[in-house]
Amino acid sequence: MGSIGEKIEVDFIISTGDNFYDDGLRGGNVEAQLSPMLRKMDTRWLCLRSFILIAGPQMAEIFFVDATPFVSNYFIDPKDHVYDWKGISPRLHYINNLLLEFESGLRESTAKWKIVVGQHTTKSAGHHGNTHELAIHLLPILQAYHVDLYISNTDSSIQFLTSGGGSKAWRGDVNNRWNPQKMKFYYDGQGFMSVEMTETDVDIKFYDVFGYAIYKWSTSKLISSAM
């Protein structure tokens, strides 16, 4: 990923997934990445639950949504996992405020491209499947405000606008019920994606873990002329 990023001269990197598990990284302070001191050390570092990034005047706005609290199973059936919900509880109040702020930001946006980034998928052919809570609460807002891209992770595999760097790839756990005419691409392995954007075009490439481009997708918009 570093080599590809250097080659195409990326302006910034977005991480959409978990960066530690109980059986993953050891030692250190996992909350250190949230410290405001990091911003003082390097202004390029930004790690918040939800925020808006303006990428070029009037060209693109990227909305980062804290999608994890929407998932009910984390609260009612956590199994052996222990979660720190500091700043989240009461959950329904947190979600309601998040949606109000998110919708307000989209309503006020004049950007040509509106991009939303969240940890969890709305639809997925992978192990976790569709996130029904997001389909109910988030997807209608994305549709109402004509959001161009929703970029997510969770299933740790590469899907259409779902990029997984993932710890749980190559599982062979694929939902085959999807209509192949609707699901454009699925790769049950680790990887990442790049996005190149102009006022009129977005070009996306999916790469495997070795940096080989394995799928491309593009979309375009017409520039409306002033009357």
Protein backbone atom coordinates (compact mmCIF):
# COMPACT_ATOMS: atom_id res chain seq x y z
CA MET A 1 0.00 0.00 0.00
CA GLY A 2 2.83 2.36 0.82
CA SER A 3 4.45 1.76 -2.57
CA ILE A 4 1.19 2.34 -4.45
CA GLY A 5 0.48 5.46 -2.41
CA GLU A 6 3.90 6.84 -3.20
CA LYS A 7 3.55 6.00 -6.88
CA ILE A 8 0.19 7.77 -7.35
CA GLU A 9 1.17 10.54 -4.90
CA VAL A 10 -1.77 10.23 -2.52
CA ASP A 11 -2.85 13.31 -0.58
CA PHE A 12 -4.12 11.40 2.46
CA ILE A 13 -4.97 7.90 3.72
CA ILE A 14 -8.25 6.82 5.30
CA SER A 15 -8.36 3.83 7.65
CA THR A 16 -11.83 2.27 7.88
CA GLY A 17 -11.22 -0.72 10.13
CA ASP A 18 -10.23 -1.93 13.54
CA ASN A 19 -6.53 -1.69 14.28
CA PHE A 20 -6.30 -4.08 17.21
CA TYR A 21 -7.85 -7.21 18.69
CA ASP A 22 -7.37 -9.05 21.99
CA ASP A 23 -5.31 -11.62 20.09
CA GLY A 24 -3.65 -9.01 17.87
CA LEU A 25 -1.26 -6.22 18.79
CA ARG A 26 0.33 -6.42 22.22
CA GLY A 27 1.39 -3.67 24.58
CA GLY A 28 1.24 0.08 24.22
CA ASN A 29 -1.62 2.48 24.85
CA VAL A 30 -4.44 1.80 22.40
CA GLU A 31 -6.14 5.11 23.31
CA ALA A 32 -3.05 7.14 22.43
CA GLN A 33 -4.27 7.55 18.84
CA LEU A 34 -7.16 9.65 20.19
CA SER A 35 -4.90 12.07 22.05
CA PRO A 36 -5.05 15.70 20.81
CA MET A 37 -1.29 15.82 21.40
CA LEU A 38 -0.83 13.88 18.15
CA ARG A 39 -2.41 16.74 16.23
CA LYS A 40 0.14 19.09 17.77
CA MET A 41 2.96 16.78 16.76
CA ASP A 42 1.67 16.29 13.21
CA THR A 43 -1.33 18.24 11.91
CA ARG A 44 -1.97 15.53 9.31
CA TRP A 45 -3.19 13.11 11.99
CA LEU A 46 -6.94 13.19 12.63
CA CYS A 47 -8.74 10.49 14.61
CA LEU A 48 -12.29 11.26 15.74
CA ARG A 49 -15.54 9.34 15.96
CA SER A 50 -17.44 11.48 13.45
CA PHE A 51 -16.34 14.54 11.47
CA ILE A 52 -16.39 16.23 8.05
CA LEU A 53 -13.31 16.63 5.85
CA ILE A 54 -13.45 19.19 3.04
CA ALA A 55 -11.21 17.95 0.23
CA GLY A 56 -10.88 20.97 -2.03
CA PRO A 57 -13.20 23.98 -2.16
CA GLN A 58 -16.66 22.97 -3.43
CA MET A 59 -15.25 19.77 -4.89
CA ALA A 60 -15.68 17.05 -2.27
CA GLU A 61 -16.76 16.60 1.32
CA ILE A 62 -16.03 13.39 3.20
CA PHE A 63 -18.35 12.58 6.10
CA PHE A 64 -16.95 10.17 8.70
CA VAL A 65 -19.75 8.42 10.57
CA ASP A 66 -19.35 6.43 13.79
CA ALA A 67 -21.36 3.45 12.55
CA THR A 68 -20.43 0.94 15.26
CA PRO A 69 -22.98 2.05 17.92
CA PHE A 70 -25.80 1.35 15.44
CA VAL A 71 -25.12 -2.41 15.62
CA SER A 72 -27.41 -3.82 18.32
CA ASN A 73 -25.53 -7.11 18.78
CA TYR A 74 -22.55 -5.30 20.26
CA PHE A 75 -24.81 -4.32 23.14
CA ILE A 76 -27.24 -7.23 23.54
CA ASP A 77 -25.02 -10.17 22.55
CA PRO A 78 -21.33 -9.21 22.90
CA LYS A 79 -20.28 -12.85 23.48
CA ASP A 80 -16.71 -12.91 24.86
CA HIS A 81 -15.88 -9.38 23.73
CA VAL A 82 -15.65 -6.44 26.11
CA TYR A 83 -16.34 -3.01 24.62
CA ASP A 84 -15.61 0.43 26.02
CA TRP A 85 -18.69 2.56 25.35
CA LYS A 86 -17.31 5.64 27.02
CA GLY A 87 -18.90 8.70 25.40
CA ILE A 88 -21.59 6.59 23.71
CA SER A 89 -24.08 5.89 26.49
CA PRO A 90 -26.99 6.47 26.48
CA ARG A 91 -26.80 4.81 23.08
CA LEU A 92 -30.09 5.92 21.51
CA HIS A 93 -29.44 9.54 22.47
CA TYR A 94 -25.96 9.32 20.93
CA ILE A 95 -27.28 7.81 17.68
CA ASN A 96 -30.08 10.37 17.41
CA ASN A 97 -27.66 13.30 17.81
CA LEU A 98 -25.24 11.71 15.35
CA LEU A 99 -27.95 11.37 12.69
CA LEU A 100 -29.15 14.93 13.23
CA GLU A 101 -25.64 16.34 12.81
CA PHE A 102 -24.92 14.07 9.86
CA GLU A 103 -28.10 15.04 8.03
CA SER A 104 -27.49 18.72 8.77
CA GLY A 105 -24.00 18.48 7.28
CA LEU A 106 -25.30 16.83 4.12
CA ARG A 107 -28.11 19.39 3.81
CA GLU A 108 -25.67 22.29 4.00
CA SER A 109 -23.07 20.73 1.71
CA THR A 110 -22.53 22.32 -1.70
CA ALA A 111 -19.74 19.93 -2.66
CA LYS A 112 -19.76 18.30 -6.06
CA TRP A 113 -19.00 14.90 -4.54
CA LYS A 114 -20.44 13.73 -1.21
CA ILE A 115 -18.59 10.75 0.25
CA VAL A 116 -19.48 8.96 3.48
CA VAL A 117 -17.05 6.69 5.35
CA GLY A 118 -18.10 4.26 8.07
CA GLN A 119 -16.72 1.13 9.68
CA HIS A 120 -19.75 -1.04 8.94
CA THR A 121 -21.30 -1.99 5.62
CA THR A 122 -24.91 -1.30 4.68
CA LYS A 123 -24.89 -4.31 2.35
CA SER A 124 -22.32 -7.10 2.29
CA ALA A 125 -21.77 -10.52 0.75
CA GLY A 126 -19.21 -11.34 3.42
CA HIS A 127 -19.33 -12.99 6.84
CA HIS A 128 -21.17 -10.19 8.66
CA GLY A 129 -23.80 -9.77 5.97
CA ASN A 130 -26.00 -6.68 5.73
CA THR A 131 -26.07 -4.29 8.67
CA HIS A 132 -29.82 -4.00 9.08
CA GLU A 133 -29.62 -1.09 11.53
CA LEU A 134 -27.71 0.99 8.97
CA ALA A 135 -30.12 -0.02 6.22
CA ILE A 136 -32.92 1.37 8.37
CA HIS A 137 -31.33 4.50 9.81
CA LEU A 138 -28.43 5.53 7.56
CA LEU A 139 -29.22 4.34 4.05
CA PRO A 140 -32.37 6.50 3.61
CA ILE A 141 -30.31 9.60 4.46
CA LEU A 142 -27.61 8.62 1.97
CA GLN A 143 -30.27 8.25 -0.70
CA ALA A 144 -32.18 11.42 0.20
CA TYR A 145 -29.10 13.63 -0.09
CA HIS A 146 -27.69 11.87 -3.15
CA VAL A 147 -24.48 10.68 -1.51
CA ASP A 148 -22.13 9.49 -4.25
CA LEU A 149 -20.05 6.93 -2.35
CA TYR A 150 -20.36 5.02 0.92
CA ILE A 151 -16.98 3.51 1.78
CA SER A 152 -16.79 0.95 4.56
CA ASN A 153 -14.89 -2.05 5.88
CA THR A 154 -15.91 -4.63 8.54
CA ASP A 155 -15.88 -7.85 6.51
CA SER A 156 -12.13 -7.71 5.93
CA SER A 157 -12.46 -8.54 2.26
CA ILE A 158 -12.71 -6.39 -0.83
CA GLN A 159 -16.16 -5.67 -2.14
CA PHE A 160 -17.76 -2.94 -4.19
CA LEU A 161 -16.76 0.19 -2.23
CA THR A 162 -15.93 -1.96 0.77
CA SER A 163 -12.20 -2.15 1.36
CA GLY A 164 -10.81 -4.65 3.85
CA GLY A 165 -7.24 -4.71 5.00
CA GLY A 166 -8.28 -7.39 7.22
CA SER A 167 -7.42 -9.83 9.85
CA LYS A 168 -10.13 -12.30 8.84
CA ALA A 169 -9.66 -12.61 5.10
CA TRP A 170 -9.55 -15.74 2.95
CA ARG A 171 -12.27 -17.42 4.99
CA GLY A 172 -14.31 -18.65 2.04
CA ASP A 173 -17.34 -17.26 3.85
CA VAL A 174 -19.22 -15.70 0.94
CA ASN A 175 -22.96 -15.09 0.71
CA ASN A 176 -23.91 -16.51 -2.68
CA ARG A 177 -27.48 -15.22 -2.59
CA TRP A 178 -26.49 -11.92 -4.20
CA ASN A 179 -27.58 -11.25 -7.78
CA PRO A 180 -24.35 -11.15 -9.85
CA GLN A 181 -25.83 -8.29 -11.87
CA LYS A 182 -26.01 -6.21 -8.69
CA MET A 183 -22.81 -7.32 -6.97
CA LYS A 184 -20.10 -6.08 -9.30
CA PHE A 185 -17.05 -7.46 -7.52
CA TYR A 186 -16.06 -9.55 -4.50
CA TYR A 187 -12.62 -10.70 -3.43
CA ASP A 188 -12.23 -12.85 -0.32
CA GLY A 189 -8.81 -11.57 0.59
CA GLN A 190 -6.84 -8.71 2.06
CA GLY A 191 -6.31 -5.49 0.17
CA PHE A 192 -6.97 -1.79 -0.12
CA MET A 193 -8.41 0.72 -2.57
CA SER A 194 -7.35 4.02 -4.10
CA VAL A 195 -9.59 6.89 -5.15
CA GLU A 196 -8.63 9.53 -7.73
CA MET A 197 -11.05 12.40 -8.13
CA THR A 198 -11.62 15.43 -10.34
CA GLU A 199 -14.62 17.73 -10.61
CA THR A 200 -16.22 15.40 -13.12
CA ASP A 201 -14.76 11.93 -12.54
CA VAL A 202 -14.01 9.42 -9.80
CA ASP A 203 -11.73 6.46 -10.53
CA ILE A 204 -11.41 3.69 -7.97
CA LYS A 205 -8.97 0.78 -7.98
CA PHE A 206 -8.98 -2.24 -5.70
CA TYR A 207 -5.62 -3.86 -4.93
CA ASP A 208 -4.74 -7.17 -3.34
CA VAL A 209 -2.29 -7.38 -0.45
CA PHE A 210 0.64 -7.53 -2.90
CA GLY A 211 -0.35 -4.29 -4.62
CA TYR A 212 -1.77 -5.79 -7.81
CA ALA A 213 -4.80 -3.96 -9.22
CA ILE A 214 -7.62 -6.52 -9.37
CA TYR A 215 -10.66 -4.36 -10.13
CA LYS A 216 -11.47 -0.87 -11.42
CA TRP A 217 -14.63 1.20 -11.22
CA SER A 218 -15.41 4.73 -12.41
CA THR A 219 -18.27 7.20 -12.35
CA SER A 220 -18.76 10.67 -13.83
CA LYS A 221 -20.80 13.84 -13.38
CA LEU A 222 -21.60 16.64 -15.75
CA ILE A 223 -20.59 20.15 -14.71
CA SER A 224 -23.68 22.35 -14.70
CA SER A 225 -23.02 25.57 -16.57
CA ALA A 226 -23.95 28.91 -14.99
CA MET A 227 -26.90 30.66 -16.63
